[in-house]
Every structure is written in C-alpha cells, then in structure tokens.
Amino acid sequence: MANTSTRTLRLLSLLQNHRYWPGAELADRLGVSVRTLRRDIDRLRELGYPVEAQRGVDGGYQLAAGATLPPLVIDDEEAVALAVGLQAAAQGAAQGAVAGIAESSVRVLAKVVQVMPARLRDQVEALRAMTVPVGWGRPAGPDADPAVLTTLALACRDSERLRFGYTAADGRRTERHVEPHRLVPVGRRWYLVAYDLVRHDWRSFRVDRLTGPEGTGARFRPRGLPAEDAAEFVRGSLTEPPRSYRVEALVEASAQTVRDRIGRWCTVEEVDARTCRVRMTSDTLDWPTMALGVVGADFHVLEPPELLDQLDDWAARFARARRPPADRPTTP
C-alpha cells in the first residue's frame, strides 16, 4: 500500500509538471503497466483531481483545471521558493508595489510554513529572520537559487563560517572564506553581507555570482558591522540603485496574440482589434527587445528612448550577420 501511495504522488507530480502525457510514456516513467496506470488515474479522480483522458492509439492524460483546488504536490526546493516569493510579495506590497496584496501574502505564507516538514520550516524561518529589506527598488523574487539562499541564511543564523566560489564583475573567480552576517534583497538581486577573512574587511557579495557555498562547521562571534544595518551597508556599496526601465510600446497585433506570446511577462491593453498597448518593467533592455521581437508584428516604442538606441544597435548587428567576416573566405 505504501508503494501504491508513493506512486500515486509521483503520478500527480508528473501530471502537474507536464501539460499532456502519452499513456505509454507516462506508464514507462512510473515503471508500471498501462493497466496499472489506469487504476492509478482512477484513484486520483476519486481524490478530486480532474484528470482528462484521450483515448486511441496515441491517447494520453492531462490534469485539467478543477472547480476546487486539491492539495498540491511540490518538492523541497519548490516549497522554499514559494515561501521566498510570498515573502517578497508581502514586502513589495508594503512598499506600494502591488496594493492590497500584502495581507493575503502573509496569510498564505503562514499556511505554507505551517504544513512544511520541520527541516523546511527551519530553513524558511532562518531565511525570513536573516533577510533585511533594503527599502528601495522592487523586492527580490525567487529568482535566486532557493537552496543557496537557505544555506546562506542558516549560516547567518548559526554564526557558521562559509566557503564558496565567487565570480567578480570582470569574470575573475576567487575562493572566499567569510563570516556571514545577513541577506539583503535589492531589485532582482540578493546580496550576502559578510566579513571576508582573507581580505580582513566587510564585503557584500551578489548571490547569483556565488557558487558552492558550504559551511565549515566553525562558529564565530559576530563582529560589529560598520553601518546602521546590513541594508545600509549594501546601499553604501552600490554606486546607485539598480535601474528599472519602464517600457511601453504600441504593437500592431491583437491583444490576444500578444498575450499568447509574451503575456505572462507584461501588461497588455487592447486599443482596437488590430492594435494593443504593451507595458513591461525590466532591469535591462535585453528582455523587452527580445519580447517585442518574438511577437512577430510591427511595433512602435513610446518609452524609454534608450530602447530605441538598443534597437538600432541590434538591427545593425543583425544586418552585419548577413556578411561573412573579412578574414574568412566566402563559401560558394
């Protein structure tokens, strides 16, 4: 019975992660016969999961949207990422990023943490306790690796020295040995504030440039930070807050067409049947350039003017791609 229950959870996880599964492929992934798979599908339906079946030689299964929300099956990393995202949403709403969402985010976060296994709850609580919001810019979301964040948070909480690899802005990679202090989210990035034991000074490390963090087992007595708090220290280490571009463009395509292509990452407002207004916010102009390009329709940039310069640069580069390099012979 235990094996059957485990297999049922595995089946549910596969259906949640993939829109459609051919029956034979799904049975093979579970290591069971097609007949056993049908029984497992029926068991999910009895539990309230609306599993749709397509019959025939190429038949298969998919999880449809139901009238109610049954329990979700998520792995450890997804659970931590969900908690980080909810915390970021609550902080962002408190700063005015999304009005009315803070209270809901806090309620959901409390429910998620309550049903977590003790080891995951410990990681999430450490991350909450060791994170210091910086107070400007959009709050960081779950883009950072949840496993790395929780490793750093636990080391901060437990005053345990860390070793990790770090890649600087110029691409130079070094090994670091630090006494971690706090995590600080700024814009779409996370920073670790720590005392560098090799350079004998305080540093802020971008978490996305940090690899393989491992606790050494050695405890330390926390030092006095040369700033009011970790957020103030990070503010002082950055020359200026990360810039956030607000992009607006008129696209000569229906609003539904644009939503199907890039709607998850932008706001689409219908102007008429053949035109829509697209708005998005990004820390760089690369993503808006690519997003507007994949729509496959003409568009007109309304703001910012820097995007026009980038489009000119990309257009020139693409045009040069049609010509072979001068030092390479042409191929007949």
Protein backbone atom coordinates (compact mmCIF):
# COMPACT_ATOMS: atom_id res chain seq x y z
CA MET A 1 0.00 0.00 0.00
CA ALA A 2 2.88 2.33 0.81
CA ASN A 3 4.35 1.73 -2.63
CA THR A 4 0.98 2.49 -4.24
CA SER A 5 0.65 5.75 -2.30
CA THR A 6 4.16 6.81 -3.27
CA ARG A 7 3.45 6.02 -6.91
CA THR A 8 0.21 8.00 -6.79
CA LEU A 9 2.08 11.05 -5.51
CA ARG A 10 4.70 10.58 -8.23
CA LEU A 11 1.94 10.38 -10.86
CA LEU A 12 0.34 13.56 -9.56
CA SER A 13 3.69 15.36 -9.62
CA LEU A 14 4.29 14.32 -13.25
CA LEU A 15 0.81 15.48 -14.30
CA GLN A 16 1.33 18.83 -12.59
CA ASN A 17 4.70 19.40 -14.28
CA HIS A 18 3.72 18.42 -17.82
CA ARG A 19 0.62 19.54 -19.68
CA TYR A 20 -0.01 16.30 -21.56
CA TRP A 21 1.43 12.79 -21.19
CA PRO A 22 1.00 9.97 -23.74
CA GLY A 23 -0.25 6.95 -21.81
CA ALA A 24 2.62 4.63 -22.73
CA GLU A 25 5.26 7.25 -21.85
CA LEU A 26 3.64 8.03 -18.52
CA ALA A 27 3.42 4.33 -17.61
CA ASP A 28 7.07 3.90 -18.55
CA ARG A 29 8.11 6.82 -16.33
CA LEU A 30 6.29 5.21 -13.41
CA GLY A 31 7.58 1.71 -14.18
CA VAL A 32 4.10 0.17 -14.35
CA SER A 33 1.81 -1.34 -16.96
CA VAL A 34 -0.77 0.71 -18.84
CA ARG A 35 -3.47 -1.18 -16.96
CA THR A 36 -1.96 -0.24 -13.58
CA LEU A 37 -1.67 3.36 -14.78
CA ARG A 38 -5.43 3.42 -15.48
CA ARG A 39 -6.12 2.28 -11.90
CA ASP A 40 -3.82 4.99 -10.55
CA ILE A 41 -5.60 7.60 -12.68
CA ASP A 42 -8.94 6.44 -11.28
CA ARG A 43 -7.53 6.76 -7.77
CA LEU A 44 -6.55 10.39 -8.44
CA ARG A 45 -10.03 11.12 -9.73
CA GLU A 46 -11.52 9.67 -6.54
CA LEU A 47 -9.31 12.10 -4.59
CA GLY A 48 -10.78 15.03 -6.53
CA TYR A 49 -8.16 15.61 -9.23
CA PRO A 50 -9.81 16.22 -12.65
CA VAL A 51 -7.67 14.03 -14.92
CA GLU A 52 -8.77 14.08 -18.55
CA ALA A 53 -8.12 11.07 -20.80
CA GLN A 54 -7.74 10.98 -24.56
CA ARG A 55 -8.46 7.54 -26.00
CA GLY A 56 -6.95 5.87 -29.04
CA VAL A 57 -3.52 4.65 -30.12
CA ASP A 58 -1.92 7.99 -29.24
CA GLY A 59 -4.11 8.52 -26.19
CA GLY A 60 -2.87 10.06 -23.01
CA TYR A 61 -3.68 12.03 -19.89
CA GLN A 62 -3.61 15.59 -18.63
CA LEU A 63 -4.61 17.37 -15.45
CA ALA A 64 -7.48 19.76 -16.12
CA ALA A 65 -8.44 22.81 -14.08
CA GLY A 66 -10.94 21.81 -11.42
CA ALA A 67 -13.74 23.57 -9.58
CA THR A 68 -11.76 23.21 -6.35
CA LEU A 69 -8.05 23.28 -5.59
CA PRO A 70 -6.84 19.89 -4.31
CA PRO A 71 -3.58 19.70 -2.36
CA LEU A 72 -0.54 20.48 -4.50
CA VAL A 73 2.49 18.22 -4.59
CA ILE A 74 5.73 20.22 -4.56
CA ASP A 75 9.29 19.26 -3.80
CA ASP A 76 11.57 20.80 -1.17
CA GLU A 77 13.12 23.41 -3.45
CA GLU A 78 9.71 24.46 -4.80
CA ALA A 79 8.37 24.83 -1.25
CA VAL A 80 11.22 27.12 -0.23
CA ALA A 81 10.93 29.09 -3.49
CA LEU A 82 7.20 29.55 -2.86
CA ALA A 83 7.86 30.86 0.65
CA VAL A 84 10.54 33.24 -0.65
CA GLY A 85 8.17 34.52 -3.34
CA LEU A 86 5.33 35.10 -0.89
CA GLN A 87 7.65 36.95 1.46
CA ALA A 88 8.85 39.12 -1.43
CA ALA A 89 5.26 39.83 -2.46
CA ALA A 90 4.37 40.91 1.06
CA GLN A 91 7.40 43.21 1.26
CA GLY A 92 6.70 44.64 -2.19
CA ALA A 93 3.10 45.39 -1.31
CA ALA A 94 4.19 47.05 1.90
CA GLN A 95 6.40 49.33 -0.22
CA GLY A 96 3.50 50.11 -2.54
CA ALA A 97 4.49 47.81 -5.40
CA VAL A 98 1.16 45.95 -5.51
CA ALA A 99 -1.63 47.47 -3.49
CA GLY A 100 -3.78 45.13 -1.40
CA ILE A 101 -1.65 42.00 -1.69
CA ALA A 102 0.46 42.22 1.48
CA GLU A 103 -2.15 40.83 3.89
CA SER A 104 -3.06 37.95 1.56
CA SER A 105 0.60 37.09 1.02
CA VAL A 106 1.27 37.00 4.76
CA ARG A 107 -1.75 34.71 5.34
CA VAL A 108 -0.72 32.30 2.59
CA LEU A 109 2.88 32.33 3.77
CA ALA A 110 1.76 31.39 7.29
CA LYS A 111 -0.29 28.49 5.91
CA VAL A 112 2.54 27.21 3.72
CA VAL A 113 5.09 27.35 6.53
CA GLN A 114 2.68 25.64 8.94
CA VAL A 115 2.35 22.49 6.79
CA MET A 116 6.04 22.24 5.90
CA PRO A 117 8.20 19.47 7.37
CA ALA A 118 10.25 20.70 10.32
CA ARG A 119 13.53 20.83 8.37
CA LEU A 120 11.99 23.00 5.63
CA ARG A 121 10.21 25.21 8.15
CA ASP A 122 13.55 25.76 9.85
CA GLN A 123 15.13 26.87 6.55
CA VAL A 124 12.29 29.27 5.71
CA GLU A 125 12.22 30.77 9.20
CA ALA A 126 16.01 31.28 9.03
CA LEU A 127 15.66 32.99 5.66
CA ARG A 128 12.96 35.31 6.97
CA ALA A 129 14.94 36.17 10.09
CA MET A 130 18.23 36.76 8.27
CA THR A 131 16.81 38.90 5.41
CA VAL A 132 16.97 42.70 5.69
CA PRO A 133 14.87 44.62 3.07
CA VAL A 134 16.80 47.50 1.55
CA GLY A 135 13.83 49.83 1.18
CA TRP A 136 14.14 50.91 -2.48
CA GLY A 137 13.67 49.15 -5.77
CA ARG A 138 11.42 46.20 -6.39
CA PRO A 139 11.77 43.39 -3.85
CA ALA A 140 13.76 40.37 -4.95
CA GLY A 141 11.69 37.43 -6.07
CA PRO A 142 12.51 33.71 -6.06
CA ASP A 143 14.92 34.07 -9.00
CA ALA A 144 17.88 33.21 -6.76
CA ASP A 145 18.54 29.52 -6.12
CA PRO A 146 16.42 28.65 -3.05
CA ALA A 147 18.97 26.04 -1.93
CA VAL A 148 21.76 28.63 -1.97
CA LEU A 149 19.63 31.20 -0.15
CA THR A 150 18.69 28.79 2.62
CA THR A 151 22.29 27.62 3.01
CA LEU A 152 23.42 31.22 3.44
CA ALA A 153 20.53 32.06 5.78
CA LEU A 154 21.22 29.10 8.05
CA ALA A 155 24.92 30.02 8.22
CA CYS A 156 23.99 33.61 9.12
CA ARG A 157 21.62 32.45 11.84
CA ASP A 158 24.01 29.87 13.28
CA SER A 159 27.12 32.10 13.02
CA GLU A 160 28.92 29.45 10.97
CA ARG A 161 31.82 30.32 8.69
CA LEU A 162 31.33 29.70 4.97
CA ARG A 163 33.47 28.87 1.95
CA PHE A 164 32.30 29.48 -1.62
CA GLY A 165 33.48 30.38 -5.08
CA TYR A 166 32.84 33.92 -6.29
CA THR A 167 32.94 35.42 -9.78
CA ALA A 168 33.61 39.16 -9.90
CA ALA A 169 32.13 41.56 -12.45
CA ASP A 170 35.25 41.25 -14.61
CA GLY A 171 34.92 37.45 -14.72
CA ARG A 172 37.76 36.74 -12.29
CA ARG A 173 36.94 33.80 -9.99
CA THR A 174 38.21 33.52 -6.42
CA GLU A 175 37.61 31.30 -3.40
CA ARG A 176 36.19 33.11 -0.38
CA HIS A 177 36.20 32.30 3.34
CA VAL A 178 33.74 34.51 5.24
CA GLU A 179 31.73 35.09 8.36
CA PRO A 180 28.18 35.60 7.02
CA HIS A 181 26.00 38.31 8.57
CA ARG A 182 22.75 38.98 6.68
CA LEU A 183 21.00 38.63 3.29
CA VAL A 184 19.72 41.77 1.56
CA PRO A 185 17.37 41.78 -1.47
CA VAL A 186 17.81 44.71 -3.87
CA GLY A 187 15.86 44.93 -7.13
CA ARG A 188 16.01 41.47 -8.68
CA ARG A 189 19.23 40.55 -6.89
CA TRP A 190 20.22 39.21 -3.49
CA TYR A 191 23.37 40.21 -1.61
CA LEU A 192 25.20 38.46 1.19
CA VAL A 193 26.82 40.81 3.70
CA ALA A 194 29.80 39.08 5.30
CA TYR A 195 33.22 39.65 6.82
CA ASP A 196 35.93 38.42 4.42
CA LEU A 197 38.54 36.51 6.44
CA VAL A 198 41.14 36.71 3.65
CA ARG A 199 40.80 40.44 2.91
CA HIS A 200 40.05 41.30 6.57
CA ASP A 201 37.19 43.60 5.70
CA TRP A 202 33.42 43.65 5.25
CA ARG A 203 32.06 42.83 1.79
CA SER A 204 28.72 42.44 0.01
CA PHE A 205 28.54 39.50 -2.41
CA ARG A 206 25.98 39.12 -5.18
CA VAL A 207 24.33 35.76 -4.55
CA ASP A 208 23.92 34.97 -8.27
CA ARG A 209 27.72 35.15 -8.64
CA LEU A 210 28.30 32.83 -5.70
CA THR A 211 28.78 29.06 -6.20
CA GLY A 212 29.05 26.03 -3.96
CA PRO A 213 28.52 27.61 -0.53
CA GLU A 214 29.46 25.17 2.24
CA GLY A 215 29.53 25.57 5.97
CA THR A 216 32.88 24.81 7.58
CA GLY A 217 31.45 23.80 10.94
CA ALA A 218 33.47 26.56 12.64
CA ARG A 219 31.42 29.00 14.72
CA PHE A 220 32.35 32.64 15.24
CA ARG A 221 31.43 35.55 17.47
CA PRO A 222 29.57 38.16 15.34
CA ARG A 223 31.55 41.33 14.65
CA GLY A 224 30.20 44.86 14.68
CA LEU A 225 29.01 45.91 11.22
CA PRO A 226 30.38 49.32 10.12
CA ALA A 227 26.88 50.55 9.22
CA GLU A 228 23.49 51.00 10.83
CA ASP A 229 22.33 47.67 9.41
CA ALA A 230 23.01 45.30 6.51
CA ALA A 231 20.68 47.19 4.18
CA GLU A 232 22.54 50.43 4.83
CA PHE A 233 25.86 48.65 4.18
CA VAL A 234 24.64 47.35 0.80
CA ARG A 235 23.29 50.78 -0.11
CA GLY A 236 26.71 52.23 0.56
CA SER A 237 28.48 49.54 -1.51
CA LEU A 238 26.34 50.21 -4.58
CA THR A 239 27.12 53.32 -6.59
CA GLU A 240 23.43 53.69 -7.38
CA PRO A 241 20.23 51.62 -7.10
CA PRO A 242 19.73 49.13 -9.95
CA ARG A 243 17.85 50.94 -12.68
CA SER A 244 14.41 49.72 -13.59
CA TYR A 245 13.22 50.52 -17.14
CA ARG A 246 9.55 51.11 -17.79
CA VAL A 247 8.85 50.07 -21.36
CA GLU A 248 5.72 51.00 -23.31
CA ALA A 249 5.03 50.19 -26.94
CA LEU A 250 2.15 50.02 -29.42
CA VAL A 251 2.07 46.65 -31.15
CA GLU A 252 0.22 46.10 -34.45
CA ALA A 253 -1.35 42.83 -33.37
CA SER A 254 -4.41 41.78 -31.42
CA ALA A 255 -4.19 41.82 -27.64
CA GLN A 256 -4.84 38.07 -27.54
CA THR A 257 -1.96 37.36 -29.94
CA VAL A 258 0.46 39.32 -27.75
CA ARG A 259 -0.84 37.66 -24.56
CA ASP A 260 -0.29 34.24 -26.12
CA ARG A 261 3.32 35.12 -26.97
CA ILE A 262 4.57 37.18 -24.01
CA GLY A 263 1.53 37.93 -21.82
CA ARG A 264 3.00 36.29 -18.75
CA TRP A 265 5.77 38.88 -18.61
CA CYS A 266 3.93 42.09 -19.47
CA THR A 267 0.66 44.00 -19.26
CA VAL A 268 -1.37 44.04 -22.49
CA GLU A 269 -4.12 46.60 -23.06
CA GLU A 270 -6.35 46.42 -26.15
CA VAL A 271 -6.52 49.60 -28.23
CA ASP A 272 -8.60 48.15 -31.07
CA ALA A 273 -8.98 44.81 -32.86
CA ARG A 274 -5.56 45.13 -34.53
CA THR A 275 -3.55 47.16 -32.03
CA CYS A 276 -2.62 46.85 -28.37
CA ARG A 277 -0.51 48.69 -25.83
CA VAL A 278 2.23 46.68 -24.11
CA ARG A 279 3.86 47.71 -20.83
CA MET A 280 6.66 45.93 -19.01
CA THR A 281 9.32 46.67 -16.41
CA SER A 282 12.83 45.28 -16.60
CA ASP A 283 16.25 45.82 -15.06
CA THR A 284 17.81 45.59 -18.54
CA LEU A 285 16.57 46.39 -22.05
CA ASP A 286 17.58 43.00 -23.46
CA TRP A 287 14.40 41.24 -22.39
CA PRO A 288 11.96 43.89 -23.77
CA THR A 289 13.89 43.85 -27.06
CA MET A 290 13.57 40.09 -27.38
CA ALA A 291 9.95 40.05 -26.20
CA LEU A 292 8.79 42.64 -28.72
CA GLY A 293 10.71 40.81 -31.42
CA VAL A 294 9.11 37.40 -30.81
CA VAL A 295 5.60 38.82 -31.18
CA GLY A 296 6.23 38.83 -34.94
CA ALA A 297 4.46 42.12 -35.63
CA ASP A 298 5.41 45.75 -36.21
CA PHE A 299 5.60 47.89 -33.10
CA HIS A 300 6.32 51.49 -32.09
CA VAL A 301 8.28 52.32 -28.95
CA LEU A 302 6.72 55.02 -26.78
CA GLU A 303 9.28 54.82 -23.97
CA PRO A 304 12.08 54.80 -22.94
CA PRO A 305 14.29 56.48 -25.56
CA GLU A 306 17.17 54.17 -24.58
CA LEU A 307 15.22 51.27 -26.10
CA LEU A 308 15.31 52.97 -29.50
CA ASP A 309 19.10 53.16 -29.27
CA GLN A 310 19.27 49.49 -28.37
CA LEU A 311 17.01 48.53 -31.28
CA ASP A 312 19.29 50.46 -33.67
CA ASP A 313 22.30 48.63 -32.24
CA TRP A 314 20.67 45.21 -32.57
CA ALA A 315 19.43 45.95 -36.08
CA ALA A 316 22.94 46.91 -37.21
CA ARG A 317 24.39 43.79 -35.62
CA PHE A 318 21.83 41.53 -37.29
CA ALA A 319 22.50 43.21 -40.62
CA ARG A 320 26.23 42.53 -40.23
CA ALA A 321 25.45 38.87 -39.56
CA ARG A 322 24.46 38.51 -43.22
CA ARG A 323 28.01 39.39 -44.28
CA PRO A 324 30.90 36.95 -43.75
CA PRO A 325 33.89 38.20 -41.77
CA ALA A 326 36.51 39.94 -43.93
CA ASP A 327 39.19 37.45 -42.93
CA ARG A 328 37.12 34.42 -43.80
CA PRO A 329 36.66 33.29 -47.42
CA THR A 330 33.11 33.19 -48.69
CA THR A 331 31.55 29.78 -49.26
CA PRO A 332 30.29 29.23 -52.80
